[in-house]
Amino acid sequence: MANTTSAKKATRKIARRTVINKSRRTQMRGAVRNVEDAIKRGDRDAAVKAMARAEPELMRAAQRNIVHKNNASRKVSRLSHAIAKLGK
């Protein structure tokens, strides 16, 4: 347990940020899930629309250090590739 005043404050701050970051991570995962579901169904139009929402979510999460920048870029790349395969 934290002993100093500053350590106690840091603990409170971490708890507040954790709640916010969990919310943002959930929102990001939901957006990605929508794209993956559309790809699984083979619905290219829905996948493109869902991707237009998911890509900014992923990159925003990367900017806010919720996920690593390379992780977000890799996810965007893989989803884009999967959508492109649907068009063929």
Protein backbone atom coordinates (compact mmCIF):
# COMPACT_ATOMS: atom_id res chain seq x y z
CA MET A 1 0.00 0.00 0.00
CA ALA A 2 1.14 3.55 -0.77
CA ASN A 3 2.66 5.41 2.17
CA THR A 4 3.46 8.91 0.95
CA THR A 5 0.87 11.49 -0.01
CA SER A 6 2.15 11.67 -3.57
CA ALA A 7 2.03 7.88 -3.92
CA LYS A 8 -1.58 7.86 -2.67
CA LYS A 9 -2.47 10.55 -5.19
CA ALA A 10 -0.72 8.62 -7.97
CA THR A 11 -2.76 5.55 -7.05
CA ARG A 12 -5.99 7.56 -7.35
CA LYS A 13 -4.93 8.96 -10.72
CA ILE A 14 -4.05 5.51 -12.02
CA ALA A 15 -7.46 4.19 -10.95
CA ARG A 16 -9.23 7.04 -12.80
CA ARG A 17 -7.16 6.54 -15.96
CA THR A 18 -7.73 2.78 -15.88
CA VAL A 19 -11.50 3.26 -16.04
CA ILE A 20 -11.17 5.67 -18.97
CA ASN A 21 -8.71 3.45 -20.83
CA LYS A 22 -10.89 0.36 -20.36
CA SER A 23 -13.81 2.23 -21.89
CA ARG A 24 -11.72 3.35 -24.86
CA ARG A 25 -10.28 -0.12 -25.37
CA THR A 26 -13.78 -1.64 -25.32
CA GLN A 27 -15.01 0.90 -27.86
CA MET A 28 -12.04 0.17 -30.13
CA ARG A 29 -12.50 -3.60 -29.90
CA GLY A 30 -16.20 -3.24 -30.70
CA ALA A 31 -15.39 -1.24 -33.83
CA VAL A 32 -12.88 -3.87 -34.95
CA ARG A 33 -15.37 -6.64 -34.20
CA ASN A 34 -17.93 -4.97 -36.48
CA VAL A 35 -15.44 -5.02 -39.36
CA GLU A 36 -14.51 -8.65 -38.70
CA ASP A 37 -18.17 -9.68 -38.57
CA ALA A 38 -18.88 -7.95 -41.88
CA ILE A 39 -15.86 -9.67 -43.45
CA LYS A 40 -17.00 -13.03 -42.08
CA ARG A 41 -20.45 -12.49 -43.61
CA GLY A 42 -18.84 -11.49 -46.91
CA ASP A 43 -20.60 -8.13 -46.90
CA ARG A 44 -18.06 -5.80 -48.50
CA ASP A 45 -20.13 -2.60 -48.26
CA ALA A 46 -20.78 -3.09 -44.55
CA ALA A 47 -17.11 -3.94 -44.01
CA VAL A 48 -15.97 -0.74 -45.75
CA LYS A 49 -18.37 1.36 -43.67
CA ALA A 50 -17.32 -0.36 -40.45
CA MET A 51 -13.66 0.08 -41.40
CA ALA A 52 -14.18 3.82 -41.88
CA ARG A 53 -15.20 3.91 -38.21
CA ALA A 54 -12.69 1.39 -36.89
CA GLU A 55 -9.51 2.84 -38.40
CA PRO A 56 -9.74 6.21 -36.57
CA GLU A 57 -10.67 4.36 -33.37
CA LEU A 58 -7.55 2.21 -33.65
CA MET A 59 -5.23 5.09 -34.44
CA ARG A 60 -6.69 7.22 -31.65
CA ALA A 61 -6.14 4.35 -29.22
CA ALA A 62 -2.53 4.16 -30.42
CA GLN A 63 -2.05 7.90 -29.90
CA ARG A 64 -3.37 7.57 -26.37
CA ASN A 65 -1.08 4.61 -25.62
CA ILE A 66 -3.96 2.19 -25.12
CA VAL A 67 -2.42 -0.08 -27.76
CA HIS A 68 1.01 0.14 -29.36
CA LYS A 69 1.25 2.14 -32.59
CA ASN A 70 2.58 -0.85 -34.54
CA ASN A 71 -0.20 -3.05 -33.18
CA ALA A 72 -2.85 -0.60 -34.41
CA SER A 73 -1.17 -0.23 -37.81
CA ARG A 74 -0.90 -4.00 -38.19
CA LYS A 75 -4.58 -4.43 -37.34
CA VAL A 76 -5.62 -1.75 -39.87
CA SER A 77 -3.42 -3.34 -42.53
CA ARG A 78 -4.78 -6.84 -41.97
CA LEU A 79 -8.40 -5.69 -41.97
CA SER A 80 -7.85 -3.62 -45.14
CA HIS A 81 -6.27 -6.63 -46.83
CA ALA A 82 -9.20 -8.85 -45.83
CA ILE A 83 -11.67 -6.29 -47.21
CA ALA A 84 -9.71 -6.06 -50.46
CA LYS A 85 -9.92 -9.84 -50.83
CA LEU A 86 -13.72 -9.59 -50.59
CA GLY A 87 -13.79 -7.39 -53.70
CA LYS A 88 -12.31 -10.11 -55.89
